[in-house]
């Protein structure tokens, strides 16, 4: 696909460890970019839109839920992940950027967040907190007595 040495295999595009999506499941569309750029913006459709169904990514239910939560508004009503890039003036660079973003999203979804273990404050930290509160109260008390 690209001469830049992209991770294309017979099975498809490798997105992470154990995750590959068939190339025919990736749908690219190129549209006109917005914003500055002179006549180049008006003549060329360089903005890249990548659409891929979440189910086609081959993630587990837990990973799919994490991906959906992290992607937020990038998930369409048809359960597709929509990634858009118009950072560059060429279709190829914008296409490569959308694939990089897809990899990043998938890699983030693969990582299971660590569970937070609730801990109690130590005895020393409780004592320091109380001592600090008493010292602060004493400062305020001294101020009020001087005003009388």
Protein backbone atom coordinates (compact mmCIF):
# COMPACT_ATOMS: atom_id res chain seq x y z
CA UNK A 1 0.00 0.00 0.00
CA UNK A 2 2.71 2.47 1.06
CA UNK A 3 6.40 2.41 0.39
CA UNK A 4 6.92 3.73 3.93
CA UNK A 5 7.06 0.20 5.37
CA UNK A 6 3.63 0.09 6.93
CA UNK A 7 2.53 -2.96 8.94
CA UNK A 8 0.48 -4.58 6.18
CA UNK A 9 0.17 -8.33 6.26
CA UNK A 10 -1.86 -10.83 4.29
CA UNK A 11 -4.46 -10.82 7.09
CA UNK A 12 -4.68 -7.06 7.11
CA UNK A 13 -3.36 -4.06 8.93
CA UNK A 14 -1.73 -4.89 12.27
CA UNK A 15 -2.96 -2.44 14.91
CA UNK A 16 -1.48 -4.00 18.01
CA UNK A 17 -0.50 -7.30 19.59
CA UNK A 18 -3.05 -9.84 18.38
CA UNK A 19 -5.17 -7.20 16.65
CA UNK A 20 -5.38 -6.94 12.87
CA UNK A 21 -8.13 -5.59 10.67
CA UNK A 22 -8.64 -6.71 7.08
CA UNK A 23 -7.76 -3.94 4.65
CA UNK A 24 -11.12 -4.24 2.90
CA UNK A 25 -12.84 -3.26 6.18
CA UNK A 26 -11.15 0.14 6.21
CA UNK A 27 -13.07 2.76 4.25
CA UNK A 28 -11.28 5.94 3.26
CA UNK A 29 -12.97 9.03 1.88
CA UNK A 30 -11.25 12.21 0.78
CA UNK A 31 -13.08 15.52 0.96
CA UNK A 32 -12.18 19.18 0.70
CA UNK A 33 -10.40 20.62 3.71
CA UNK A 34 -11.55 23.74 5.49
CA UNK A 35 -9.52 26.66 6.70
CA UNK A 36 -6.52 28.48 5.21
CA UNK A 37 -4.45 27.12 2.37
CA UNK A 38 -5.26 29.30 -0.60
CA UNK A 39 -6.48 27.76 -3.82
CA UNK A 40 -5.03 24.38 -2.82
CA UNK A 41 -7.96 23.93 -0.41
CA UNK A 42 -10.51 24.68 -3.13
CA UNK A 43 -8.96 22.40 -5.76
CA UNK A 44 -7.86 19.31 -3.87
CA UNK A 45 -9.71 16.88 -1.63
CA UNK A 46 -6.95 16.17 0.89
CA UNK A 47 -8.94 15.76 4.11
CA UNK A 48 -9.03 12.05 4.95
CA UNK A 49 -11.91 10.31 6.71
CA UNK A 50 -11.32 6.76 7.91
CA UNK A 51 -14.31 4.64 8.88
CA UNK A 52 -14.11 1.16 10.38
CA UNK A 53 -16.77 -0.85 12.16
CA UNK A 54 -15.85 -1.52 15.77
CA UNK A 55 -16.79 -5.19 15.41
CA UNK A 56 -14.26 -5.57 12.56
CA UNK A 57 -11.36 -4.68 14.86
CA UNK A 58 -11.50 -8.09 16.54
CA UNK A 59 -11.40 -6.79 20.11
CA UNK A 60 -12.93 -8.51 23.14
CA UNK A 61 -16.12 -7.09 24.66
CA UNK A 62 -14.14 -5.45 27.47
CA UNK A 63 -11.69 -3.88 25.02
CA UNK A 64 -14.52 -2.75 22.75
CA UNK A 65 -16.24 -1.06 25.69
CA UNK A 66 -13.00 0.73 26.62
CA UNK A 67 -12.49 1.82 23.00
CA UNK A 68 -16.05 3.18 22.80
CA UNK A 69 -15.62 5.06 26.07
CA UNK A 70 -12.29 6.57 25.02
CA UNK A 71 -13.35 7.42 21.46
CA UNK A 72 -16.51 9.17 22.64
CA UNK A 73 -18.07 11.24 19.84
CA UNK A 74 -15.86 9.57 17.21
CA UNK A 75 -18.27 6.61 17.29
CA UNK A 76 -21.11 7.04 14.81
CA UNK A 77 -24.69 5.82 15.17
CA UNK A 78 -23.77 2.89 12.88
CA UNK A 79 -21.13 1.73 15.44
CA UNK A 80 -18.29 2.92 13.24
CA UNK A 81 -15.14 4.60 14.43
CA UNK A 82 -14.64 7.80 12.43
CA UNK A 83 -11.16 9.30 12.35
CA UNK A 84 -10.59 12.53 10.42
CA UNK A 85 -7.31 14.25 9.55
CA UNK A 86 -6.66 17.37 7.49
CA UNK A 87 -3.37 18.38 9.09
CA UNK A 88 -1.37 17.95 5.89
CA UNK A 89 -1.75 19.10 2.30
CA UNK A 90 -1.45 15.63 0.79
CA UNK A 91 -3.89 12.74 0.82
CA UNK A 92 -1.14 10.22 1.56
CA UNK A 93 0.12 11.98 4.68
CA UNK A 94 -3.41 12.49 6.01
CA UNK A 95 -4.22 8.84 5.30
CA UNK A 96 -1.09 7.70 7.15
CA UNK A 97 -2.02 9.97 10.07
CA UNK A 98 -5.53 8.48 10.33
CA UNK A 99 -3.99 4.98 10.44
CA UNK A 100 -1.58 6.10 13.16
CA UNK A 101 -4.47 7.52 15.17
CA UNK A 102 -6.40 4.27 14.73
CA UNK A 103 -3.39 2.34 16.08
CA UNK A 104 -3.13 4.68 19.08
CA UNK A 105 -6.83 4.32 19.91
CA UNK A 106 -6.67 0.53 19.67
CA UNK A 107 -3.49 0.32 21.75
CA UNK A 108 -5.08 2.47 24.48
CA UNK A 109 -8.14 0.20 24.47
CA UNK A 110 -5.95 -2.90 24.90
CA UNK A 111 -4.50 -1.63 28.18
CA UNK A 112 -6.57 -2.62 31.18
CA UNK A 113 -6.47 0.21 33.73
CA UNK A 114 -5.13 -0.66 37.16
CA UNK A 115 -7.71 -0.95 39.89
CA UNK A 116 -7.29 1.62 42.58
CA UNK A 117 -6.82 0.11 46.00
CA UNK A 118 -8.34 2.30 48.70
CA UNK A 119 -5.91 3.04 51.52
CA UNK A 120 -6.31 4.78 54.85
CA UNK A 121 -4.19 7.75 55.85
CA UNK A 122 -1.29 6.82 58.10
CA UNK A 123 -1.28 7.73 61.76
CA UNK A 124 1.56 10.20 61.19
CA UNK A 125 -0.27 11.96 58.34
CA UNK A 126 -3.42 12.27 60.49
CA UNK A 127 -1.40 13.75 63.37
CA UNK A 128 0.37 16.21 61.05
CA UNK A 129 -2.96 17.30 59.60
CA UNK A 130 -4.46 17.88 63.06
CA UNK A 131 -1.34 19.75 64.24
CA UNK A 132 -1.42 21.97 61.12
CA UNK A 133 -5.11 22.71 61.70
CA UNK A 134 -4.45 23.62 65.35
CA UNK A 135 -1.54 25.87 64.37
CA UNK A 136 -3.67 27.63 61.76
CA UNK A 137 -6.48 28.07 64.27
CA UNK A 138 -4.02 29.52 66.77
CA UNK A 139 -2.82 32.07 64.19
CA UNK A 140 -6.41 33.15 63.55
CA UNK A 141 -7.16 33.27 67.27
CA UNK A 142 -4.15 35.54 67.89
CA UNK A 143 -5.32 37.91 65.14
CA UNK A 144 -8.81 38.23 66.60
CA UNK A 145 -7.57 38.90 70.16
CA UNK A 146 -5.28 41.72 69.01
CA UNK A 147 -8.22 43.47 67.38
CA UNK A 148 -10.19 43.70 70.67
